Amino acid sequence: MNVDDQNWEDDYVLNKPEPDSLWRPRVTPQYGRADDSMQVDDDEEMARDDDEGRDEEEEEEDVDMGDGGGEGPQDRVRWVATVLAALVQYLVLGVALYITPQYIKTDMHTSALSGRAWLNELLDPEGHPDRIYIAMGMRRHVFLALIFQIRALGYMEAQNAQIMLDESLAIFLYTCVTGLAIDHVSERFQHSHSTISE
């Protein structure tokens, strides 16, 4: 074992790292090894050399592109054609989305529980009495008496009527009690806007 190796071991023992730290032993030039500061300088110099090499490559690419801007007439034409194609696609899509509901009709009111079925549930004598009061603002017996009085006054359903008198009164009372818009009422009773507003 020579003197240099002995000094290295002594230096390592004196500057022993803590277990969880990333420690490198400090080696000085007197022992024939590179110093950390010299190594950092070498790393910085190599990084600078790499950066200068990249800058020279980019300058060469700029020279190869020609006419300074990097775009030739063909590139501009291709760009304009791409933009026009995208605009045409958006226009066609917008027109298709606007026109499709006009020609392809989809039924809107397709719920299993129609307005007639819901009214029958509310008028069911075995059902809870507060349900019709919450929806129509009156009890079951008052609602049936009102229907009887309206018929006694001579108001009857037309032969071609889509809804019965009791359902028509239910629509009116439900709208008055809830204050909902016609869209919501037509969804509840599963009828069109024109039927609801008659």
N, C-alpha and C. Protein backbone atom coordinates (compact mmCIF):
# COMPACT_ATOMS: atom_id res chain seq x y z
N MET A 1 0.85 -1.16 0.00
CA MET A 1 0.00 0.00 0.00
C MET A 1 0.90 1.23 0.00
N ASN A 2 0.67 2.10 -0.96
CA ASN A 2 1.52 3.28 -1.05
C ASN A 2 0.90 4.45 -0.30
N VAL A 3 1.62 5.56 -0.25
CA VAL A 3 1.22 6.73 0.53
C VAL A 3 -0.04 7.37 -0.02
N ASP A 4 -0.18 7.39 -1.35
CA ASP A 4 -1.37 8.01 -1.96
C ASP A 4 -2.63 7.27 -1.57
N ASP A 5 -2.57 5.94 -1.60
CA ASP A 5 -3.75 5.16 -1.24
C ASP A 5 -4.09 5.34 0.22
N GLN A 6 -3.08 5.42 1.07
CA GLN A 6 -3.29 5.62 2.51
C GLN A 6 -3.97 6.98 2.76
N ASN A 7 -3.53 8.03 2.07
CA ASN A 7 -4.13 9.35 2.24
C ASN A 7 -5.59 9.35 1.80
N TRP A 8 -5.85 8.63 0.71
CA TRP A 8 -7.23 8.52 0.21
C TRP A 8 -8.12 7.89 1.26
N GLU A 9 -7.70 6.81 1.87
CA GLU A 9 -8.50 6.12 2.87
C GLU A 9 -8.70 7.01 4.10
N ASP A 10 -7.65 7.71 4.52
CA ASP A 10 -7.78 8.60 5.67
C ASP A 10 -8.78 9.71 5.39
N ASP A 11 -8.69 10.28 4.20
CA ASP A 11 -9.61 11.34 3.81
C ASP A 11 -11.05 10.83 3.78
N TYR A 12 -11.27 9.63 3.30
CA TYR A 12 -12.60 9.03 3.22
C TYR A 12 -13.17 8.80 4.61
N VAL A 13 -12.36 8.30 5.53
CA VAL A 13 -12.82 8.02 6.88
C VAL A 13 -13.16 9.32 7.60
N LEU A 14 -12.36 10.35 7.42
CA LEU A 14 -12.61 11.62 8.09
C LEU A 14 -13.86 12.31 7.56
N ASN A 15 -14.14 12.18 6.29
CA ASN A 15 -15.29 12.85 5.66
C ASN A 15 -16.37 11.84 5.31
N LYS A 16 -16.63 10.90 6.18
CA LYS A 16 -17.59 9.83 5.92
C LYS A 16 -18.99 10.41 5.76
N PRO A 17 -19.73 10.00 4.73
CA PRO A 17 -21.06 10.57 4.49
C PRO A 17 -22.10 10.00 5.44
N GLU A 18 -23.21 10.75 5.54
CA GLU A 18 -24.36 10.22 6.26
C GLU A 18 -25.05 9.23 5.34
N PRO A 19 -25.72 8.23 5.89
CA PRO A 19 -26.26 7.13 5.05
C PRO A 19 -27.24 7.58 3.98
N ASP A 20 -28.10 8.58 4.23
CA ASP A 20 -29.12 8.92 3.24
C ASP A 20 -28.71 10.06 2.33
N SER A 21 -27.52 10.58 2.45
CA SER A 21 -27.11 11.67 1.57
C SER A 21 -26.38 11.13 0.35
N LEU A 22 -26.42 11.87 -0.71
CA LEU A 22 -25.69 11.50 -1.93
C LEU A 22 -24.33 12.19 -1.86
N TRP A 23 -23.37 11.50 -1.30
CA TRP A 23 -22.09 12.11 -1.04
C TRP A 23 -21.03 11.46 -1.90
N ARG A 24 -20.20 12.27 -2.49
CA ARG A 24 -19.02 11.77 -3.20
C ARG A 24 -17.80 12.23 -2.42
N PRO A 25 -16.81 11.38 -2.24
CA PRO A 25 -15.64 11.80 -1.49
C PRO A 25 -14.91 12.93 -2.20
N ARG A 26 -14.42 13.85 -1.41
CA ARG A 26 -13.67 14.96 -1.97
C ARG A 26 -12.26 14.46 -2.30
N VAL A 27 -11.91 14.51 -3.53
CA VAL A 27 -10.60 14.06 -3.96
C VAL A 27 -9.84 15.27 -4.45
N THR A 28 -8.69 15.44 -3.98
CA THR A 28 -7.90 16.61 -4.36
C THR A 28 -6.84 16.20 -5.37
N PRO A 29 -6.34 17.17 -6.16
CA PRO A 29 -5.34 16.85 -7.17
C PRO A 29 -4.05 16.29 -6.58
N GLN A 30 -3.77 16.52 -5.28
CA GLN A 30 -2.51 16.03 -4.73
C GLN A 30 -2.48 14.51 -4.67
N TYR A 31 -3.64 13.87 -4.72
CA TYR A 31 -3.68 12.41 -4.71
C TYR A 31 -3.77 11.83 -6.11
N GLY A 32 -3.72 12.66 -7.09
CA GLY A 32 -3.70 12.19 -8.48
C GLY A 32 -5.08 11.96 -9.07
N ARG A 33 -6.13 12.53 -8.48
CA ARG A 33 -7.47 12.36 -9.01
C ARG A 33 -8.08 13.73 -9.27
N ALA A 34 -9.17 13.75 -10.05
CA ALA A 34 -9.79 15.02 -10.41
C ALA A 34 -10.60 15.57 -9.26
N ASP A 35 -10.61 16.86 -9.11
CA ASP A 35 -11.39 17.54 -8.10
C ASP A 35 -12.83 17.69 -8.59
N ASP A 36 -13.81 17.76 -7.67
CA ASP A 36 -15.21 17.92 -8.06
C ASP A 36 -15.40 19.20 -8.87
N SER A 37 -14.75 20.27 -8.44
CA SER A 37 -14.91 21.54 -9.14
C SER A 37 -14.38 21.45 -10.55
N MET A 38 -13.32 20.69 -10.76
CA MET A 38 -12.77 20.52 -12.10
C MET A 38 -13.75 19.72 -12.96
N GLN A 39 -14.40 18.73 -12.33
CA GLN A 39 -15.35 17.91 -13.07
C GLN A 39 -16.57 18.74 -13.49
N VAL A 40 -17.04 19.60 -12.60
CA VAL A 40 -18.17 20.47 -12.94
C VAL A 40 -17.79 21.38 -14.10
N ASP A 41 -16.58 21.94 -14.07
CA ASP A 41 -16.14 22.79 -15.17
C ASP A 41 -16.10 22.02 -16.47
N ASP A 42 -15.65 20.77 -16.43
CA ASP A 42 -15.62 19.95 -17.65
C ASP A 42 -17.03 19.71 -18.16
N ASP A 43 -18.00 19.44 -17.25
CA ASP A 43 -19.38 19.21 -17.67
C ASP A 43 -19.96 20.46 -18.32
N GLU A 44 -19.70 21.63 -17.74
CA GLU A 44 -20.21 22.87 -18.31
C GLU A 44 -19.62 23.13 -19.69
N GLU A 45 -18.34 22.83 -19.82
CA GLU A 45 -17.68 23.05 -21.11
C GLU A 45 -18.25 22.13 -22.18
N MET A 46 -18.55 20.87 -21.80
CA MET A 46 -19.14 19.93 -22.77
C MET A 46 -20.54 20.40 -23.16
N ALA A 47 -21.31 20.92 -22.20
CA ALA A 47 -22.66 21.40 -22.51
C ALA A 47 -22.59 22.59 -23.45
N ARG A 48 -21.64 23.51 -23.23
CA ARG A 48 -21.49 24.65 -24.12
C ARG A 48 -21.13 24.21 -25.53
N ASP A 49 -20.24 23.23 -25.62
CA ASP A 49 -19.86 22.72 -26.95
C ASP A 49 -21.07 22.13 -27.67
N ASP A 50 -21.93 21.39 -26.92
CA ASP A 50 -23.14 20.82 -27.54
C ASP A 50 -24.06 21.91 -28.03
N ASP A 51 -24.26 22.97 -27.21
CA ASP A 51 -25.13 24.07 -27.61
C ASP A 51 -24.61 24.77 -28.86
N GLU A 52 -23.31 24.99 -28.93
CA GLU A 52 -22.75 25.64 -30.12
C GLU A 52 -22.94 24.76 -31.35
N GLY A 53 -22.81 23.44 -31.17
CA GLY A 53 -23.01 22.52 -32.31
C GLY A 53 -24.44 22.57 -32.80
N ARG A 54 -25.40 22.66 -31.87
CA ARG A 54 -26.81 22.74 -32.26
C ARG A 54 -27.10 24.05 -32.99
N ASP A 55 -26.54 25.15 -32.50
CA ASP A 55 -26.76 26.45 -33.14
C ASP A 55 -26.24 26.42 -34.58
N GLU A 56 -25.07 25.82 -34.80
CA GLU A 56 -24.52 25.75 -36.16
C GLU A 56 -25.42 24.91 -37.07
N GLU A 57 -25.99 23.80 -36.52
CA GLU A 57 -26.88 22.96 -37.33
C GLU A 57 -28.14 23.73 -37.70
N GLU A 58 -28.70 24.50 -36.75
CA GLU A 58 -29.92 25.28 -37.04
C GLU A 58 -29.65 26.34 -38.10
N GLU A 59 -28.49 26.97 -38.04
CA GLU A 59 -28.15 27.98 -39.05
C GLU A 59 -28.04 27.34 -40.43
N GLU A 60 -27.47 26.15 -40.49
CA GLU A 60 -27.37 25.45 -41.78
C GLU A 60 -28.75 25.12 -42.33
N GLU A 61 -29.68 24.70 -41.42
CA GLU A 61 -31.04 24.39 -41.87
C GLU A 61 -31.73 25.64 -42.41
N ASP A 62 -31.52 26.79 -41.72
CA ASP A 62 -32.13 28.05 -42.18
C ASP A 62 -31.62 28.42 -43.57
N VAL A 63 -30.34 28.20 -43.82
CA VAL A 63 -29.78 28.51 -45.13
C VAL A 63 -30.36 27.59 -46.18
N ASP A 64 -30.59 26.31 -45.83
CA ASP A 64 -31.12 25.34 -46.80
C ASP A 64 -32.56 25.65 -47.17
N MET A 65 -33.34 26.27 -46.26
CA MET A 65 -34.75 26.51 -46.52
C MET A 65 -34.96 27.50 -47.66
N GLY A 66 -34.04 28.34 -47.94
CA GLY A 66 -34.19 29.30 -49.03
C GLY A 66 -35.06 30.46 -48.62
N ASP A 67 -35.30 31.38 -49.39
CA ASP A 67 -36.07 32.62 -49.31
C ASP A 67 -36.40 33.12 -47.90
N GLY A 68 -35.61 32.79 -46.91
CA GLY A 68 -35.68 33.40 -45.59
C GLY A 68 -36.89 33.00 -44.76
N GLY A 69 -38.09 32.95 -45.30
CA GLY A 69 -39.30 32.69 -44.53
C GLY A 69 -39.56 31.23 -44.30
N GLY A 70 -38.98 30.36 -45.06
CA GLY A 70 -39.21 28.93 -44.90
C GLY A 70 -40.45 28.45 -45.62
N GLU A 71 -41.21 29.33 -46.27
CA GLU A 71 -42.42 28.94 -46.97
C GLU A 71 -42.27 29.28 -48.45
N GLY A 72 -42.50 28.28 -49.26
CA GLY A 72 -42.51 28.53 -50.69
C GLY A 72 -43.93 28.73 -51.16
N PRO A 73 -44.13 29.05 -52.41
CA PRO A 73 -45.49 29.23 -52.93
C PRO A 73 -46.32 27.96 -52.81
N GLN A 74 -45.70 26.81 -52.97
CA GLN A 74 -46.44 25.55 -52.85
C GLN A 74 -46.94 25.34 -51.42
N ASP A 75 -46.11 25.72 -50.45
CA ASP A 75 -46.53 25.58 -49.05
C ASP A 75 -47.71 26.49 -48.74
N ARG A 76 -47.69 27.69 -49.29
CA ARG A 76 -48.79 28.63 -49.07
C ARG A 76 -50.08 28.12 -49.71
N VAL A 77 -49.99 27.58 -50.89
CA VAL A 77 -51.17 27.04 -51.58
C VAL A 77 -51.72 25.86 -50.79
N ARG A 78 -50.83 25.01 -50.30
CA ARG A 78 -51.26 23.85 -49.53
C ARG A 78 -51.95 24.30 -48.24
N TRP A 79 -51.42 25.34 -47.59
CA TRP A 79 -52.02 25.85 -46.36
C TRP A 79 -53.40 26.44 -46.64
N VAL A 80 -53.53 27.23 -47.69
CA VAL A 80 -54.83 27.83 -48.04
C VAL A 80 -55.84 26.74 -48.38
N ALA A 81 -55.41 25.71 -49.10
CA ALA A 81 -56.32 24.61 -49.45
C ALA A 81 -56.78 23.87 -48.20
N THR A 82 -55.88 23.69 -47.24
CA THR A 82 -56.25 23.01 -46.00
C THR A 82 -57.26 23.83 -45.21
N VAL A 83 -57.05 25.13 -45.12
CA VAL A 83 -57.97 26.00 -44.40
C VAL A 83 -59.34 26.02 -45.08
N LEU A 84 -59.35 26.11 -46.39
CA LEU A 84 -60.63 26.10 -47.11
C LEU A 84 -61.37 24.78 -46.94
N ALA A 85 -60.63 23.67 -46.98
CA ALA A 85 -61.27 22.35 -46.78
C ALA A 85 -61.88 22.26 -45.39
N ALA A 86 -61.18 22.78 -44.38
CA ALA A 86 -61.72 22.76 -43.02
C ALA A 86 -62.98 23.62 -42.92
N LEU A 87 -62.97 24.80 -43.55
CA LEU A 87 -64.16 25.66 -43.52
C LEU A 87 -65.35 25.00 -44.20
N VAL A 88 -65.10 24.36 -45.33
CA VAL A 88 -66.18 23.68 -46.05
C VAL A 88 -66.75 22.55 -45.19
N GLN A 89 -65.88 21.82 -44.51
CA GLN A 89 -66.36 20.73 -43.64
C GLN A 89 -67.23 21.28 -42.52
N TYR A 90 -66.80 22.38 -41.90
CA TYR A 90 -67.60 22.97 -40.82
C TYR A 90 -68.93 23.48 -41.34
N LEU A 91 -68.94 24.08 -42.51
CA LEU A 91 -70.20 24.56 -43.09
C LEU A 91 -71.16 23.42 -43.39
N VAL A 92 -70.64 22.36 -43.99
CA VAL A 92 -71.48 21.21 -44.31
C VAL A 92 -72.03 20.59 -43.04
N LEU A 93 -71.19 20.45 -42.02
CA LEU A 93 -71.63 19.89 -40.75
C LEU A 93 -72.70 20.76 -40.11
N GLY A 94 -72.50 22.08 -40.12
CA GLY A 94 -73.48 22.98 -39.53
C GLY A 94 -74.82 22.93 -40.25
N VAL A 95 -74.79 22.91 -41.57
CA VAL A 95 -76.03 22.83 -42.34
C VAL A 95 -76.73 21.49 -42.08
N ALA A 96 -75.95 20.40 -42.03
CA ALA A 96 -76.54 19.08 -41.78
C ALA A 96 -77.19 19.03 -40.40
N LEU A 97 -76.52 19.60 -39.40
CA LEU A 97 -77.10 19.60 -38.06
C LEU A 97 -78.35 20.47 -37.97
N TYR A 98 -78.41 21.52 -38.77
CA TYR A 98 -79.57 22.40 -38.75
C TYR A 98 -80.76 21.78 -39.50
N ILE A 99 -80.48 21.12 -40.61
CA ILE A 99 -81.55 20.60 -41.47
C ILE A 99 -82.07 19.25 -41.01
N THR A 100 -81.24 18.43 -40.40
CA THR A 100 -81.63 17.06 -40.05
C THR A 100 -82.92 16.99 -39.25
N PRO A 101 -83.12 17.79 -38.18
CA PRO A 101 -84.39 17.68 -37.45
C PRO A 101 -85.61 18.06 -38.28
N GLN A 102 -85.43 18.85 -39.35
CA GLN A 102 -86.57 19.25 -40.18
C GLN A 102 -87.09 18.09 -41.03
N TYR A 103 -86.19 17.19 -41.42
CA TYR A 103 -86.58 16.11 -42.33
C TYR A 103 -86.65 14.75 -41.65
N ILE A 104 -85.88 14.56 -40.62
CA ILE A 104 -85.92 13.28 -39.90
C ILE A 104 -86.59 13.56 -38.56
N LYS A 105 -87.86 13.22 -38.47
CA LYS A 105 -88.64 13.51 -37.28
C LYS A 105 -88.45 12.40 -36.24
N THR A 106 -88.29 12.81 -34.99
CA THR A 106 -88.17 11.88 -33.88
C THR A 106 -89.26 12.21 -32.88
N ASP A 107 -89.98 11.20 -32.44
CA ASP A 107 -91.04 11.43 -31.47
C ASP A 107 -90.44 11.94 -30.16
N MET A 108 -91.09 12.97 -29.62
CA MET A 108 -90.55 13.58 -28.41
C MET A 108 -91.21 13.02 -27.16
N HIS A 109 -92.50 12.90 -27.17
CA HIS A 109 -93.24 12.48 -25.98
C HIS A 109 -93.51 10.98 -26.06
N THR A 110 -92.54 10.21 -25.56
CA THR A 110 -92.63 8.75 -25.67
C THR A 110 -92.56 8.07 -24.31
N SER A 111 -92.85 8.79 -23.24
CA SER A 111 -92.78 8.20 -21.91
C SER A 111 -93.87 7.15 -21.74
N ALA A 112 -93.57 6.15 -20.93
CA ALA A 112 -94.55 5.10 -20.68
C ALA A 112 -95.73 5.63 -19.86
N LEU A 113 -95.48 6.64 -19.03
CA LEU A 113 -96.53 7.21 -18.19
C LEU A 113 -97.08 8.47 -18.86
N SER A 114 -98.17 8.31 -19.59
CA SER A 114 -98.78 9.44 -20.28
C SER A 114 -99.52 10.32 -19.26
N GLY A 115 -100.00 11.46 -19.74
CA GLY A 115 -100.76 12.36 -18.87
C GLY A 115 -102.03 11.71 -18.36
N ARG A 116 -102.68 10.92 -19.20
CA ARG A 116 -103.91 10.22 -18.80
C ARG A 116 -103.62 9.20 -17.71
N ALA A 117 -102.51 8.44 -17.88
CA ALA A 117 -102.15 7.43 -16.88
C ALA A 117 -101.75 8.10 -15.56
N TRP A 118 -101.08 9.25 -15.62
CA TRP A 118 -100.68 9.95 -14.40
C TRP A 118 -101.92 10.49 -13.67
N LEU A 119 -102.86 11.03 -14.44
CA LEU A 119 -104.09 11.52 -13.83
C LEU A 119 -104.87 10.38 -13.19
N ASN A 120 -104.92 9.22 -13.84
CA ASN A 120 -105.60 8.06 -13.26
C ASN A 120 -104.93 7.63 -11.95
N GLU A 121 -103.60 7.73 -11.88
CA GLU A 121 -102.90 7.42 -10.63
C GLU A 121 -103.31 8.40 -9.53
N LEU A 122 -103.39 9.69 -9.90
CA LEU A 122 -103.76 10.69 -8.90
C LEU A 122 -105.20 10.51 -8.42
N LEU A 123 -106.09 10.11 -9.32
CA LEU A 123 -107.51 9.95 -8.97
C LEU A 123 -107.81 8.60 -8.34
N ASP A 124 -106.84 7.70 -8.27
CA ASP A 124 -107.05 6.37 -7.70
C ASP A 124 -107.45 6.51 -6.23
N PRO A 125 -108.62 5.95 -5.86
CA PRO A 125 -109.08 6.09 -4.47
C PRO A 125 -108.14 5.40 -3.46
N GLU A 126 -107.38 4.43 -3.90
CA GLU A 126 -106.47 3.74 -2.99
C GLU A 126 -105.13 4.47 -2.86
N GLY A 127 -104.90 5.46 -3.72
CA GLY A 127 -103.65 6.23 -3.65
C GLY A 127 -103.66 7.22 -2.50
N HIS A 128 -102.53 7.83 -2.27
CA HIS A 128 -102.42 8.82 -1.19
C HIS A 128 -103.20 10.07 -1.56
N PRO A 129 -104.03 10.59 -0.65
CA PRO A 129 -104.87 11.74 -0.99
C PRO A 129 -104.09 13.04 -1.20
N ASP A 130 -102.88 13.14 -0.66
CA ASP A 130 -102.13 14.39 -0.81
C ASP A 130 -101.46 14.53 -2.18
N ARG A 131 -101.35 13.44 -2.93
CA ARG A 131 -100.68 13.53 -4.23
C ARG A 131 -101.43 14.46 -5.17
N ILE A 132 -102.73 14.30 -5.29
CA ILE A 132 -103.50 15.17 -6.19
C ILE A 132 -103.54 16.60 -5.64
N TYR A 133 -103.53 16.75 -4.32
CA TYR A 133 -103.54 18.09 -3.74
C TYR A 133 -102.23 18.83 -4.06
N ILE A 134 -101.11 18.12 -4.00
CA ILE A 134 -99.82 18.73 -4.32
C ILE A 134 -99.75 19.11 -5.79
N ALA A 135 -100.26 18.25 -6.68
CA ALA A 135 -100.15 18.49 -8.12
C ALA A 135 -101.21 19.48 -8.63
N MET A 136 -102.46 19.38 -8.14
CA MET A 136 -103.55 20.18 -8.70
C MET A 136 -104.05 21.28 -7.77
N GLY A 137 -103.66 21.24 -6.53
CA GLY A 137 -104.10 22.27 -5.59
C GLY A 137 -105.48 22.03 -5.04
N MET A 138 -106.04 20.85 -5.21
CA MET A 138 -107.36 20.51 -4.65
C MET A 138 -107.43 19.01 -4.39
N ARG A 139 -108.33 18.64 -3.50
CA ARG A 139 -108.50 17.23 -3.15
C ARG A 139 -109.27 16.50 -4.25
N ARG A 140 -109.23 15.18 -4.17
CA ARG A 140 -109.83 14.32 -5.20
C ARG A 140 -111.33 14.59 -5.35
N HIS A 141 -112.05 14.64 -4.27
CA HIS A 141 -113.50 14.83 -4.35
C HIS A 141 -113.86 16.22 -4.91
N VAL A 142 -113.03 17.25 -4.62
CA VAL A 142 -113.28 18.58 -5.16
C VAL A 142 -113.01 18.58 -6.67
N PHE A 143 -111.95 17.92 -7.11
CA PHE A 143 -111.64 17.84 -8.53
C PHE A 143 -112.77 17.15 -9.29
N LEU A 144 -113.27 16.01 -8.77
CA LEU A 144 -114.36 15.28 -9.44
C LEU A 144 -115.65 16.11 -9.44
N ALA A 145 -115.92 16.85 -8.37
CA ALA A 145 -117.12 17.70 -8.33
C ALA A 145 -117.00 18.82 -9.35
N LEU A 146 -115.82 19.38 -9.53
CA LEU A 146 -115.61 20.45 -10.51
C LEU A 146 -115.83 19.92 -11.94
N ILE A 147 -115.36 18.73 -12.22
CA ILE A 147 -115.59 18.11 -13.54
C ILE A 147 -117.10 17.93 -13.75
N PHE A 148 -117.80 17.47 -12.75
CA PHE A 148 -119.25 17.27 -12.84
C PHE A 148 -119.96 18.60 -13.12
N GLN A 149 -119.59 19.66 -12.45
CA GLN A 149 -120.21 20.97 -12.64
C GLN A 149 -119.94 21.52 -14.04
N ILE A 150 -118.71 21.33 -14.54
CA ILE A 150 -118.38 21.82 -15.89
C ILE A 150 -119.21 21.08 -16.92
N ARG A 151 -119.37 19.78 -16.76
CA ARG A 151 -120.19 19.01 -17.70
C ARG A 151 -121.67 19.41 -17.58
N ALA A 152 -122.10 19.72 -16.38
CA ALA A 152 -123.49 20.13 -16.17
C ALA A 152 -123.78 21.46 -16.85
N LEU A 153 -122.74 22.30 -16.99
CA LEU A 153 -122.91 23.57 -17.67
C LEU A 153 -122.92 23.42 -19.19
N GLY A 154 -122.68 22.22 -19.68
CA GLY A 154 -122.78 21.98 -21.11
C GLY A 154 -121.46 21.86 -21.84
N TYR A 155 -120.36 21.93 -21.14
CA TYR A 155 -119.05 21.77 -21.80
C TYR A 155 -118.72 20.29 -21.91
N MET A 156 -118.54 19.84 -23.12
CA MET A 156 -118.22 18.43 -23.37
C MET A 156 -117.01 18.36 -24.29
N GLU A 157 -116.39 17.20 -24.33
CA GLU A 157 -115.28 17.00 -25.25
C GLU A 157 -115.82 16.88 -26.66
N ALA A 158 -115.07 17.37 -27.61
CA ALA A 158 -115.45 17.20 -29.01
C ALA A 158 -115.23 15.75 -29.41
N GLN A 159 -115.87 15.34 -30.50
CA GLN A 159 -115.74 13.96 -30.96
C GLN A 159 -114.29 13.62 -31.33
N ASN A 160 -113.59 14.60 -31.91
CA ASN A 160 -112.22 14.34 -32.35
C ASN A 160 -111.17 14.88 -31.35
N ALA A 161 -111.59 15.12 -30.12
CA ALA A 161 -110.68 15.68 -29.11
C ALA A 161 -109.60 14.66 -28.75
N GLN A 162 -108.39 15.18 -28.62
CA GLN A 162 -107.28 14.30 -28.26
C GLN A 162 -107.22 14.05 -26.75
N ILE A 163 -107.75 14.98 -25.99
CA ILE A 163 -107.71 14.81 -24.54
C ILE A 163 -109.12 15.00 -23.98
N MET A 164 -109.37 14.32 -22.87
CA MET A 164 -110.68 14.40 -22.23
C MET A 164 -110.77 15.67 -21.39
N LEU A 165 -111.97 15.99 -20.94
CA LEU A 165 -112.21 17.20 -20.16
C LEU A 165 -111.44 17.17 -18.83
N ASP A 166 -111.42 16.03 -18.17
CA ASP A 166 -110.73 15.96 -16.88
C ASP A 166 -109.21 16.15 -17.04
N GLU A 167 -108.65 15.62 -18.12
CA GLU A 167 -107.22 15.82 -18.36
C GLU A 167 -106.94 17.27 -18.74
N SER A 168 -107.82 17.89 -19.50
CA SER A 168 -107.65 19.30 -19.86
C SER A 168 -107.69 20.17 -18.60
N LEU A 169 -108.62 19.89 -17.68
CA LEU A 169 -108.68 20.63 -16.43
C LEU A 169 -107.43 20.36 -15.58
N ALA A 170 -106.95 19.14 -15.59
CA ALA A 170 -105.74 18.79 -14.84
C ALA A 170 -104.53 19.57 -15.38
N ILE A 171 -104.46 19.70 -16.69
CA ILE A 171 -103.35 20.48 -17.29
C ILE A 171 -103.43 21.94 -16.83
N PHE A 172 -104.64 22.50 -16.85
CA PHE A 172 -104.82 23.89 -16.43
C PHE A 172 -104.44 24.07 -14.96
N LEU A 173 -104.94 23.21 -14.09
CA LEU A 173 -104.66 23.33 -12.66
C LEU A 173 -103.17 23.09 -12.36
N TYR A 174 -102.58 22.11 -13.01
CA TYR A 174 -101.16 21.81 -12.79
C TYR A 174 -100.29 23.01 -13.19
N THR A 175 -100.65 23.65 -14.31
CA THR A 175 -99.90 24.83 -14.76
C THR A 175 -100.06 25.98 -13.78
N CYS A 176 -101.27 26.18 -13.26
CA CYS A 176 -101.51 27.26 -12.30
C CYS A 176 -100.78 27.02 -10.99
N VAL A 177 -100.81 25.80 -10.49
CA VAL A 177 -100.20 25.49 -9.20
C VAL A 177 -98.68 25.54 -9.27
N THR A 178 -98.10 24.95 -10.31
CA THR A 178 -96.64 24.85 -10.38
C THR A 178 -96.00 26.08 -11.02
N GLY A 179 -96.71 26.74 -11.91
CA GLY A 179 -96.13 27.89 -12.61
C GLY A 179 -95.07 27.51 -13.62
N LEU A 180 -95.09 26.27 -14.07
CA LEU A 180 -94.09 25.80 -15.02
C LEU A 180 -94.39 26.29 -16.43
N ALA A 181 -93.35 26.34 -17.23
CA ALA A 181 -93.51 26.73 -18.63
C ALA A 181 -94.19 25.61 -19.41
N ILE A 182 -94.64 25.94 -20.60
CA ILE A 182 -95.37 24.98 -21.42
C ILE A 182 -94.52 23.77 -21.79
N ASP A 183 -93.21 23.98 -21.89
CA ASP A 183 -92.33 22.84 -22.20
C ASP A 183 -92.39 21.78 -21.11
N HIS A 184 -92.35 22.22 -19.87
CA HIS A 184 -92.37 21.28 -18.75
C HIS A 184 -93.74 20.61 -18.61
N VAL A 185 -94.79 21.38 -18.82
CA VAL A 185 -96.14 20.82 -18.72
C VAL A 185 -96.38 19.80 -19.83
N SER A 186 -95.93 20.12 -21.04
CA SER A 186 -96.12 19.16 -22.14
C SER A 186 -95.30 17.90 -21.91
N GLU A 187 -94.15 18.01 -21.25
CA GLU A 187 -93.37 16.81 -20.92
C GLU A 187 -94.07 15.99 -19.84
N ARG A 188 -94.69 16.65 -18.86
CA ARG A 188 -95.38 15.94 -17.78
C ARG A 188 -96.60 15.19 -18.33
N PHE A 189 -97.37 15.84 -19.22
CA PHE A 189 -98.60 15.23 -19.73
C PHE A 189 -98.40 14.51 -21.06
N GLN A 190 -97.21 14.56 -21.61
CA GLN A 190 -96.86 13.85 -22.85
C GLN A 190 -97.75 14.25 -24.02
N HIS A 191 -97.93 15.56 -24.18
CA HIS A 191 -98.67 16.11 -25.31
C HIS A 191 -97.83 17.20 -25.96
N SER A 192 -98.18 17.54 -27.19
CA SER A 192 -97.46 18.60 -27.90
C SER A 192 -97.82 19.97 -27.32
N HIS A 193 -97.04 20.97 -27.70
CA HIS A 193 -97.29 22.33 -27.22
C HIS A 193 -98.66 22.82 -27.69
N SER A 194 -99.01 22.50 -28.92
CA SER A 194 -100.30 22.98 -29.44
C SER A 194 -101.47 22.34 -28.69
N THR A 195 -101.35 21.08 -28.33
CA THR A 195 -102.42 20.41 -27.57
C THR A 195 -102.53 20.99 -26.16
N ILE A 196 -101.40 21.26 -25.55
CA ILE A 196 -101.39 21.80 -24.19
C ILE A 196 -101.99 23.20 -24.15
N SER A 197 -101.67 24.01 -25.15
CA SER A 197 -102.11 25.40 -25.12
C SER A 197 -103.55 25.61 -25.60
N GLU A 198 -104.23 24.58 -26.05
CA GLU A 198 -105.64 24.73 -26.51
C GLU A 198 -106.58 24.89 -25.35
